[in-house]
Amino acid sequence: MLEIRPCCEHCGKDLPNESTDAMICSFECTYCKDCALDVFKDVCPSCGGNFVSRPIRPKIELEKKPGSMNRKHIPKNIEKHQEMLERYHNVPPEKR
């Protein structure tokens, strides 16, 4: 079950469950679309994977299984990410 993390790990933008702006990688690193696609160019700075839109948990299920309240706002080192970006940017996600 997804944690439904409440904010972008890089910029800190709020990403509540109903947000259509939330993107996640396969390890559930969570970023807003601006950071995931414009800053990190669809290469997760933690694992090198790609991003997909985070699903929205139905409200009835959210009442039973609420999203995480733990804010993981840990801005990433853009210069360090550049090395990963150079390695993976032109490699399709399924070949990384």
PDB file of N, CA and C in Angstrom:
ATOM      1  N   MET A   1       0.843  -1.173   0.000  1.00  0.00           N
ATOM      2  CA  MET A   1       0.000   0.000   0.000  1.00  0.00           C
ATOM      3  C   MET A   1       0.891   1.240   0.000  1.00  0.00           C
ATOM      4  N   LEU A   2       0.580   2.189  -0.838  1.00  0.00           N
ATOM      5  CA  LEU A   2       1.344   3.432  -0.914  1.00  0.00           C
ATOM      6  C   LEU A   2       1.177   4.266   0.351  1.00  0.00           C
ATOM      7  N   GLU A   3       2.248   4.955   0.714  1.00  0.00           N
ATOM      8  CA  GLU A   3       2.192   5.845   1.876  1.00  0.00           C
ATOM      9  C   GLU A   3       1.373   7.099   1.612  1.00  0.00           C
ATOM     10  N   ILE A   4       1.312   7.531   0.367  1.00  0.00           N
ATOM     11  CA  ILE A   4       0.698   8.816  -0.012  1.00  0.00           C
ATOM     12  C   ILE A   4       1.384   9.924   0.792  1.00  0.00           C
ATOM     13  N   ARG A   5       2.671  10.093   0.514  1.00  0.00           N
ATOM     14  CA  ARG A   5       3.468  11.099   1.225  1.00  0.00           C
ATOM     15  C   ARG A   5       2.920  12.498   0.958  1.00  0.00           C
ATOM     16  N   PRO A   6       2.965  13.369   1.976  1.00  0.00           N
ATOM     17  CA  PRO A   6       2.245  14.644   1.915  1.00  0.00           C
ATOM     18  C   PRO A   6       2.943  15.817   1.232  1.00  0.00           C
ATOM     19  N   CYS A   7       4.205  15.643   0.789  1.00  0.00           N
ATOM     20  CA  CYS A   7       4.869  16.798   0.172  1.00  0.00           C
ATOM     21  C   CYS A   7       5.953  16.353  -0.799  1.00  0.00           C
ATOM     22  N   CYS A   8       6.367  17.301  -1.628  1.00  0.00           N
ATOM     23  CA  CYS A   8       7.485  17.088  -2.542  1.00  0.00           C
ATOM     24  C   CYS A   8       8.759  17.008  -1.711  1.00  0.00           C
ATOM     25  N   GLU A   9       9.527  15.967  -1.933  1.00  0.00           N
ATOM     26  CA  GLU A   9      10.753  15.783  -1.164  1.00  0.00           C
ATOM     27  C   GLU A   9      11.794  16.862  -1.471  1.00  0.00           C
ATOM     28  N   HIS A  10      11.718  17.463  -2.639  1.00  0.00           N
ATOM     29  CA  HIS A  10      12.721  18.466  -3.010  1.00  0.00           C
ATOM     30  C   HIS A  10      12.315  19.883  -2.622  1.00  0.00           C
ATOM     31  N   CYS A  11      11.164  20.335  -3.078  1.00  0.00           N
ATOM     32  CA  CYS A  11      10.787  21.736  -2.841  1.00  0.00           C
ATOM     33  C   CYS A  11       9.844  21.931  -1.651  1.00  0.00           C
ATOM     34  N   GLY A  12       9.279  20.833  -1.138  1.00  0.00           N
ATOM     35  CA  GLY A  12       8.398  20.934   0.022  1.00  0.00           C
ATOM     36  C   GLY A  12       6.950  21.255  -0.299  1.00  0.00           C
ATOM     37  N   LYS A  13       6.594  21.371  -1.568  1.00  0.00           N
ATOM     38  CA  LYS A  13       5.214  21.692  -1.953  1.00  0.00           C
ATOM     39  C   LYS A  13       4.255  20.652  -1.377  1.00  0.00           C
ATOM     40  N   ASP A  14       3.128  21.105  -0.860  1.00  0.00           N
ATOM     41  CA  ASP A  14       2.109  20.200  -0.345  1.00  0.00           C
ATOM     42  C   ASP A  14       1.541  19.348  -1.474  1.00  0.00           C
ATOM     43  N   LEU A  15       1.428  18.045  -1.213  1.00  0.00           N
ATOM     44  CA  LEU A  15       0.860  17.111  -2.185  1.00  0.00           C
ATOM     45  C   LEU A  15      -0.142  16.208  -1.461  1.00  0.00           C
ATOM     46  N   PRO A  16      -1.306  16.765  -1.127  1.00  0.00           N
ATOM     47  CA  PRO A  16      -2.312  15.953  -0.437  1.00  0.00           C
ATOM     48  C   PRO A  16      -2.795  14.812  -1.334  1.00  0.00           C
ATOM     49  N   ASN A  17      -3.489  13.879  -0.746  1.00  0.00           N
ATOM     50  CA  ASN A  17      -3.980  12.707  -1.474  1.00  0.00           C
ATOM     51  C   ASN A  17      -4.649  13.075  -2.800  1.00  0.00           C
ATOM     52  N   GLU A  18      -5.457  14.120  -2.819  1.00  0.00           N
ATOM     53  CA  GLU A  18      -6.218  14.459  -4.030  1.00  0.00           C
ATOM     54  C   GLU A  18      -5.412  15.234  -5.070  1.00  0.00           C
ATOM     55  N   SER A  19      -4.138  15.476  -4.813  1.00  0.00           N
ATOM     56  CA  SER A  19      -3.303  16.215  -5.755  1.00  0.00           C
ATOM     57  C   SER A  19      -3.051  15.423  -7.031  1.00  0.00           C
ATOM     58  N   THR A  20      -3.235  16.084  -8.153  1.00  0.00           N
ATOM     59  CA  THR A  20      -2.898  15.477  -9.445  1.00  0.00           C
ATOM     60  C   THR A  20      -1.493  15.888  -9.867  1.00  0.00           C
ATOM     61  N   ASP A  21      -0.784  16.568  -8.976  1.00  0.00           N
ATOM     62  CA  ASP A  21       0.560  17.065  -9.235  1.00  0.00           C
ATOM     63  C   ASP A  21       1.645  16.138  -8.670  1.00  0.00           C
ATOM     64  N   ALA A  22       1.269  15.078  -7.962  1.00  0.00           N
ATOM     65  CA  ALA A  22       2.243  14.201  -7.305  1.00  0.00           C
ATOM     66  C   ALA A  22       2.782  13.147  -8.266  1.00  0.00           C
ATOM     67  N   MET A  23       4.091  12.965  -8.241  1.00  0.00           N
ATOM     68  CA  MET A  23       4.778  11.959  -9.048  1.00  0.00           C
ATOM     69  C   MET A  23       5.587  11.080  -8.100  1.00  0.00           C
ATOM     70  N   ILE A  24       5.681   9.779  -8.410  1.00  0.00           N
ATOM     71  CA  ILE A  24       6.464   8.861  -7.588  1.00  0.00           C
ATOM     72  C   ILE A  24       7.335   7.975  -8.465  1.00  0.00           C
ATOM     73  N   CYS A  25       8.421   7.460  -7.866  1.00  0.00           N
ATOM     74  CA  CYS A  25       9.241   6.445  -8.535  1.00  0.00           C
ATOM     75  C   CYS A  25       8.839   5.087  -7.959  1.00  0.00           C
ATOM     76  N   SER A  26       9.523   4.030  -8.348  1.00  0.00           N
ATOM     77  CA  SER A  26       9.145   2.693  -7.883  1.00  0.00           C
ATOM     78  C   SER A  26       9.403   2.490  -6.389  1.00  0.00           C
ATOM     79  N   PHE A  27      10.207   3.365  -5.780  1.00  0.00           N
ATOM     80  CA  PHE A  27      10.451   3.294  -4.338  1.00  0.00           C
ATOM     81  C   PHE A  27       9.578   4.292  -3.585  1.00  0.00           C
ATOM     82  N   GLU A  28       8.681   4.936  -4.285  1.00  0.00           N
ATOM     83  CA  GLU A  28       7.735   5.906  -3.760  1.00  0.00           C
ATOM     84  C   GLU A  28       8.382   7.227  -3.333  1.00  0.00           C
ATOM     85  N   CYS A  29       9.560   7.525  -3.865  1.00  0.00           N
ATOM     86  CA  CYS A  29      10.085   8.879  -3.685  1.00  0.00           C
ATOM     87  C   CYS A  29       9.011   9.777  -4.295  1.00  0.00           C
ATOM     88  N   THR A  30       8.678  10.858  -3.635  1.00  0.00           N
ATOM     89  CA  THR A  30       7.538  11.679  -4.035  1.00  0.00           C
ATOM     90  C   THR A  30       7.977  13.102  -4.367  1.00  0.00           C
ATOM     91  N   TYR A  31       7.604  13.564  -5.550  1.00  0.00           N
ATOM     92  CA  TYR A  31       7.951  14.907  -6.004  1.00  0.00           C
ATOM     93  C   TYR A  31       6.752  15.521  -6.714  1.00  0.00           C
ATOM     94  N   CYS A  32       6.726  16.840  -6.760  1.00  0.00           N
ATOM     95  CA  CYS A  32       5.716  17.519  -7.572  1.00  0.00           C
ATOM     96  C   CYS A  32       6.145  17.374  -9.039  1.00  0.00           C
ATOM     97  N   LYS A  33       5.220  17.597  -9.952  1.00  0.00           N
ATOM     98  CA  LYS A  33       5.533  17.455 -11.380  1.00  0.00           C
ATOM     99  C   LYS A  33       6.665  18.381 -11.810  1.00  0.00           C
ATOM    100  N   ASP A  34       6.679  19.604 -11.276  1.00  0.00           N
ATOM    101  CA  ASP A  34       7.743  20.539 -11.666  1.00  0.00           C
ATOM    102  C   ASP A  34       9.113  19.972 -11.328  1.00  0.00           C
ATOM    103  N   CYS A  35       9.276  19.463 -10.112  1.00  0.00           N
ATOM    104  CA  CYS A  35      10.580  18.914  -9.719  1.00  0.00           C
ATOM    105  C   CYS A  35      10.881  17.625 -10.479  1.00  0.00           C
ATOM    106  N   ALA A  36       9.913  16.708 -10.546  1.00  0.00           N
ATOM    107  CA  ALA A  36      10.140  15.413 -11.195  1.00  0.00           C
ATOM    108  C   ALA A  36      10.505  15.561 -12.667  1.00  0.00           C
ATOM    109  N   LEU A  37       9.796  16.425 -13.376  1.00  0.00           N
ATOM    110  CA  LEU A  37       9.993  16.515 -14.818  1.00  0.00           C
ATOM    111  C   LEU A  37      10.915  17.641 -15.259  1.00  0.00           C
ATOM    112  N   ASP A  38      10.852  18.790 -14.597  1.00  0.00           N
ATOM    113  CA  ASP A  38      11.679  19.928 -15.018  1.00  0.00           C
ATOM    114  C   ASP A  38      13.042  19.951 -14.331  1.00  0.00           C
ATOM    115  N   VAL A  39      13.066  19.704 -13.038  1.00  0.00           N
ATOM    116  CA  VAL A  39      14.339  19.740 -12.300  1.00  0.00           C
ATOM    117  C   VAL A  39      15.118  18.445 -12.506  1.00  0.00           C
ATOM    118  N   PHE A  40      14.448  17.291 -12.294  1.00  0.00           N
ATOM    119  CA  PHE A  40      15.132  16.001 -12.340  1.00  0.00           C
ATOM    120  C   PHE A  40      15.016  15.290 -13.683  1.00  0.00           C
ATOM    121  N   LYS A  41      14.284  15.876 -14.620  1.00  0.00           N
ATOM    122  CA  LYS A  41      14.189  15.369 -16.005  1.00  0.00           C
ATOM    123  C   LYS A  41      13.783  13.902 -16.075  1.00  0.00           C
ATOM    124  N   ASP A  42      12.829  13.504 -15.217  1.00  0.00           N
ATOM    125  CA  ASP A  42      12.288  12.141 -15.195  1.00  0.00           C
ATOM    126  C   ASP A  42      13.333  11.090 -14.798  1.00  0.00           C
ATOM    127  N   VAL A  43      14.332  11.497 -14.022  1.00  0.00           N
ATOM    128  CA  VAL A  43      15.324  10.572 -13.470  1.00  0.00           C
ATOM    129  C   VAL A  43      15.347  10.792 -11.961  1.00  0.00           C
ATOM    130  N   CYS A  44      14.871   9.811 -11.201  1.00  0.00           N
ATOM    131  CA  CYS A  44      14.818   9.948  -9.746  1.00  0.00           C
ATOM    132  C   CYS A  44      16.226  10.152  -9.194  1.00  0.00           C
ATOM    133  N   PRO A  45      16.437  11.195  -8.387  1.00  0.00           N
ATOM    134  CA  PRO A  45      17.778  11.456  -7.849  1.00  0.00           C
ATOM    135  C   PRO A  45      18.223  10.422  -6.816  1.00  0.00           C
ATOM    136  N   SER A  46      17.311   9.597  -6.336  1.00  0.00           N
ATOM    137  CA  SER A  46      17.675   8.574  -5.352  1.00  0.00           C
ATOM    138  C   SER A  46      18.038   7.241  -6.003  1.00  0.00           C
ATOM    139  N   CYS A  47      17.219   6.811  -6.984  1.00  0.00           N
ATOM    140  CA  CYS A  47      17.427   5.465  -7.536  1.00  0.00           C
ATOM    141  C   CYS A  47      17.723   5.438  -9.035  1.00  0.00           C
ATOM    142  N   GLY A  48      17.513   6.550  -9.737  1.00  0.00           N
ATOM    143  CA  GLY A  48      17.735   6.574 -11.185  1.00  0.00           C
ATOM    144  C   GLY A  48      16.543   6.103 -11.989  1.00  0.00           C
ATOM    145  N   GLY A  49      15.466   5.736 -11.324  1.00  0.00           N
ATOM    146  CA  GLY A  49      14.255   5.296 -12.018  1.00  0.00           C
ATOM    147  C   GLY A  49      13.471   6.469 -12.581  1.00  0.00           C
ATOM    148  N   ASN A  50      12.365   6.155 -13.215  1.00  0.00           N
ATOM    149  CA  ASN A  50      11.507   7.200 -13.781  1.00  0.00           C
ATOM    150  C   ASN A  50      10.369   7.513 -12.821  1.00  0.00           C
ATOM    151  N   PHE A  51       9.550   8.474 -13.195  1.00  0.00           N
ATOM    152  CA  PHE A  51       8.409   8.887 -12.386  1.00  0.00           C
ATOM    153  C   PHE A  51       7.104   8.600 -13.105  1.00  0.00           C
ATOM    154  N   VAL A  52       6.076   8.315 -12.324  1.00  0.00           N
ATOM    155  CA  VAL A  52       4.708   8.170 -12.826  1.00  0.00           C
ATOM    156  C   VAL A  52       3.800   8.974 -11.908  1.00  0.00           C
ATOM    157  N   SER A  53       2.618   9.308 -12.391  1.00  0.00           N
ATOM    158  CA  SER A  53       1.652  10.023 -11.557  1.00  0.00           C
ATOM    159  C   SER A  53       1.238   9.138 -10.385  1.00  0.00           C
ATOM    160  N   ARG A  54       1.215   9.735  -9.203  1.00  0.00           N
ATOM    161  CA  ARG A  54       0.773   8.984  -8.028  1.00  0.00           C
ATOM    162  C   ARG A  54      -0.740   8.831  -8.076  1.00  0.00           C
ATOM    163  N   PRO A  55      -1.252   7.631  -7.835  1.00  0.00           N
ATOM    164  CA  PRO A  55      -2.698   7.470  -7.831  1.00  0.00           C
ATOM    165  C   PRO A  55      -3.336   8.174  -6.639  1.00  0.00           C
ATOM    166  N   ILE A  56      -4.605   8.465  -6.775  1.00  0.00           N
ATOM    167  CA  ILE A  56      -5.368   9.106  -5.703  1.00  0.00           C
ATOM    168  C   ILE A  56      -6.179   8.025  -5.004  1.00  0.00           C
ATOM    169  N   ARG A  57      -5.992   7.906  -3.705  1.00  0.00           N
ATOM    170  CA  ARG A  57      -6.746   6.912  -2.930  1.00  0.00           C
ATOM    171  C   ARG A  57      -8.188   7.391  -2.783  1.00  0.00           C
ATOM    172  N   PRO A  58      -9.170   6.533  -3.084  1.00  0.00           N
ATOM    173  CA  PRO A  58     -10.573   6.923  -2.923  1.00  0.00           C
ATOM    174  C   PRO A  58     -10.855   7.372  -1.483  1.00  0.00           C
ATOM    175  N   LYS A  59     -11.704   8.373  -1.335  1.00  0.00           N
ATOM    176  CA  LYS A  59     -11.977   8.958  -0.007  1.00  0.00           C
ATOM    177  C   LYS A  59     -12.447   7.926   1.005  1.00  0.00           C
ATOM    178  N   ILE A  60     -13.258   6.970   0.584  1.00  0.00           N
ATOM    179  CA  ILE A  60     -13.743   5.954   1.515  1.00  0.00           C
ATOM    180  C   ILE A  60     -12.573   5.117   2.051  1.00  0.00           C
ATOM    181  N   GLU A  61     -11.595   4.849   1.203  1.00  0.00           N
ATOM    182  CA  GLU A  61     -10.409   4.095   1.622  1.00  0.00           C
ATOM    183  C   GLU A  61      -9.456   4.972   2.428  1.00  0.00           C
ATOM    184  N   LEU A  62      -9.412   6.256   2.088  1.00  0.00           N
ATOM    185  CA  LEU A  62      -8.545   7.183   2.809  1.00  0.00           C
ATOM    186  C   LEU A  62      -8.978   7.307   4.270  1.00  0.00           C
ATOM    187  N   GLU A  63     -10.271   7.191   4.503  1.00  0.00           N
ATOM    188  CA  GLU A  63     -10.768   7.231   5.882  1.00  0.00           C
ATOM    189  C   GLU A  63     -10.272   6.030   6.673  1.00  0.00           C
ATOM    190  N   LYS A  64     -10.207   4.870   6.034  1.00  0.00           N
ATOM    191  CA  LYS A  64      -9.747   3.646   6.698  1.00  0.00           C
ATOM    192  C   LYS A  64      -8.222   3.572   6.762  1.00  0.00           C
ATOM    193  N   LYS A  65      -7.580   4.022   5.689  1.00  0.00           N
ATOM    194  CA  LYS A  65      -6.122   3.935   5.560  1.00  0.00           C
ATOM    195  C   LYS A  65      -5.589   5.288   5.111  1.00  0.00           C
ATOM    196  N   PRO A  66      -5.446   6.224   6.061  1.00  0.00           N
ATOM    197  CA  PRO A  66      -5.005   7.579   5.694  1.00  0.00           C
ATOM    198  C   PRO A  66      -3.566   7.596   5.165  1.00  0.00           C
ATOM    199  N   GLY A  67      -3.279   8.630   4.399  1.00  0.00           N
ATOM    200  CA  GLY A  67      -1.926   8.810   3.896  1.00  0.00           C
ATOM    201  C   GLY A  67      -0.983   9.198   5.019  1.00  0.00           C
ATOM    202  N   SER A  68       0.286   9.168   4.722  1.00  0.00           N
ATOM    203  CA  SER A  68       1.322   9.502   5.695  1.00  0.00           C
ATOM    204  C   SER A  68       1.241  10.978   6.103  1.00  0.00           C
ATOM    205  N   MET A  69       1.573  11.249   7.328  1.00  0.00           N
ATOM    206  CA  MET A  69       1.679  12.625   7.817  1.00  0.00           C
ATOM    207  C   MET A  69       3.153  13.036   7.917  1.00  0.00           C
ATOM    208  N   ASN A  70       4.049  12.089   7.635  1.00  0.00           N
ATOM    209  CA  ASN A  70       5.485  12.309   7.742  1.00  0.00           C
ATOM    210  C   ASN A  70       6.006  13.071   6.523  1.00  0.00           C
ATOM    211  N   ARG A  71       6.388  14.324   6.734  1.00  0.00           N
ATOM    212  CA  ARG A  71       6.911  15.149   5.647  1.00  0.00           C
ATOM    213  C   ARG A  71       8.386  14.850   5.443  1.00  0.00           C
ATOM    214  N   LYS A  72       8.739  14.380   4.255  1.00  0.00           N
ATOM    215  CA  LYS A  72      10.132  14.102   3.896  1.00  0.00           C
ATOM    216  C   LYS A  72      10.593  15.207   2.956  1.00  0.00           C
ATOM    217  N   HIS A  73      10.939  16.334   3.523  1.00  0.00           N
ATOM    218  CA  HIS A  73      11.424  17.458   2.718  1.00  0.00           C
ATOM    219  C   HIS A  73      12.935  17.489   2.867  1.00  0.00           C
ATOM    220  N   ILE A  74      13.614  16.840   1.923  1.00  0.00           N
ATOM    221  CA  ILE A  74      15.072  16.737   1.937  1.00  0.00           C
ATOM    222  C   ILE A  74      15.565  17.168   0.557  1.00  0.00           C
ATOM    223  N   PRO A  75      15.745  18.478   0.346  1.00  0.00           N
ATOM    224  CA  PRO A  75      16.175  18.945  -0.975  1.00  0.00           C
ATOM    225  C   PRO A  75      17.406  18.188  -1.479  1.00  0.00           C
ATOM    226  N   LYS A  76      17.391  17.840  -2.736  1.00  0.00           N
ATOM    227  CA  LYS A  76      18.465  17.059  -3.346  1.00  0.00           C
ATOM    228  C   LYS A  76      19.569  17.972  -3.876  1.00  0.00           C
ATOM    229  N   ASN A  77      20.760  17.417  -3.943  1.00  0.00           N
ATOM    230  CA  ASN A  77      21.928  18.113  -4.466  1.00  0.00           C
ATOM    231  C   ASN A  77      21.837  18.074  -5.998  1.00  0.00           C
ATOM    232  N   ILE A  78      21.555  19.203  -6.598  1.00  0.00           N
ATOM    233  CA  ILE A  78      21.364  19.278  -8.055  1.00  0.00           C
ATOM    234  C   ILE A  78      22.651  18.922  -8.801  1.00  0.00           C
ATOM    235  N   GLU A  79      23.803  19.346  -8.289  1.00  0.00           N
ATOM    236  CA  GLU A  79      25.069  19.024  -8.962  1.00  0.00           C
ATOM    237  C   GLU A  79      25.327  17.521  -8.949  1.00  0.00           C
ATOM    238  N   LYS A  80      25.045  16.873  -7.829  1.00  0.00           N
ATOM    239  CA  LYS A  80      25.216  15.423  -7.740  1.00  0.00           C
ATOM    240  C   LYS A  80      24.234  14.709  -8.676  1.00  0.00           C
ATOM    241  N   HIS A  81      23.024  15.232  -8.763  1.00  0.00           N
ATOM    242  CA  HIS A  81      22.029  14.626  -9.649  1.00  0.00           C
ATOM    243  C   HIS A  81      22.456  14.732 -11.103  1.00  0.00           C
ATOM    244  N   GLN A  82      23.211  15.759 -11.440  1.00  0.00           N
ATOM    245  CA  GLN A  82      23.666  15.943 -12.816  1.00  0.00           C
ATOM    246  C   GLN A  82      24.443  14.723 -13.311  1.00  0.00           C
ATOM    247  N   GLU A  83      25.242  14.105 -12.442  1.00  0.00           N
ATOM    248  CA  GLU A  83      25.991  12.896 -12.817  1.00  0.00           C
ATOM    249  C   GLU A  83      25.027  11.762 -13.179  1.00  0.00           C
ATOM    250  N   MET A  84      24.002  11.566 -12.362  1.00  0.00           N
ATOM    251  CA  MET A  84      23.021  10.520 -12.639  1.00  0.00           C
ATOM    252  C   MET A  84      22.243  10.853 -13.901  1.00  0.00           C
ATOM    253  N   LEU A  85      21.916  12.121 -14.071  1.00  0.00           N
ATOM    254  CA  LEU A  85      21.169  12.552 -15.246  1.00  0.00           C
ATOM    255  C   LEU A  85      21.966  12.287 -16.525  1.00  0.00           C
ATOM    256  N   GLU A  86      23.255  12.562 -16.487  1.00  0.00           N
ATOM    257  CA  GLU A  86      24.097  12.305 -17.660  1.00  0.00           C
ATOM    258  C   GLU A  86      24.129  10.816 -17.998  1.00  0.00           C
ATOM    259  N   ARG A  87      24.100   9.980 -16.981  1.00  0.00           N
ATOM    260  CA  ARG A  87      24.137   8.533 -17.169  1.00  0.00           C
ATOM    261  C   ARG A  87      22.810   7.991 -17.705  1.00  0.00           C
ATOM    262  N   TYR A  88      21.675   8.527 -17.235  1.00  0.00           N
ATOM    263  CA  TYR A  88      20.378   7.920 -17.519  1.00  0.00           C
ATOM    264  C   TYR A  88      19.414   8.725 -18.384  1.00  0.00           C
ATOM    265  N   HIS A  89      19.639   9.994 -18.594  1.00  0.00           N
ATOM    266  CA  HIS A  89      18.638  10.835 -19.266  1.00  0.00           C
ATOM    267  C   HIS A  89      18.215  10.306 -20.638  1.00  0.00           C
ATOM    268  N   ASN A  90      19.130   9.783 -21.405  1.00  0.00           N
ATOM    269  CA  ASN A  90      18.791   9.299 -22.737  1.00  0.00           C
ATOM    270  C   ASN A  90      18.569   7.786 -22.781  1.00  0.00           C
ATOM    271  N   VAL A  91      18.469   7.165 -21.610  1.00  0.00           N
ATOM    272  CA  VAL A  91      18.223   5.728 -21.518  1.00  0.00           C
ATOM    273  C   VAL A  91      16.773   5.521 -21.100  1.00  0.00           C
ATOM    274  N   PRO A  92      15.999   4.791 -21.888  1.00  0.00           N
ATOM    275  CA  PRO A  92      14.603   4.556 -21.501  1.00  0.00           C
ATOM    276  C   PRO A  92      14.530   3.883 -20.129  1.00  0.00           C
ATOM    277  N   PRO A  93      13.503   4.185 -19.335  1.00  0.00           N
ATOM    278  CA  PRO A  93      13.396   3.614 -17.994  1.00  0.00           C
ATOM    279  C   PRO A  93      13.532   2.093 -17.951  1.00  0.00           C
ATOM    280  N   GLU A  94      12.985   1.411 -18.930  1.00  0.00           N
ATOM    281  CA  GLU A  94      13.041  -0.059 -18.922  1.00  0.00           C
ATOM    282  C   GLU A  94      14.444  -0.610 -19.196  1.00  0.00           C
ATOM    283  N   LYS A  95      15.385   0.262 -19.566  1.00  0.00           N
ATOM    284  CA  LYS A  95      16.759  -0.176 -19.853  1.00  0.00           C
ATOM    285  C   LYS A  95      17.774   0.348 -18.843  1.00  0.00           C
ATOM    286  N   ARG A  96      17.312   1.089 -17.847  1.00  0.00           N
ATOM    287  CA  ARG A  96      18.250   1.679 -16.872  1.00  0.00           C
ATOM    288  C   ARG A  96      18.793   0.630 -15.934  1.00  0.00           C
TER     289      ARG A  96
END
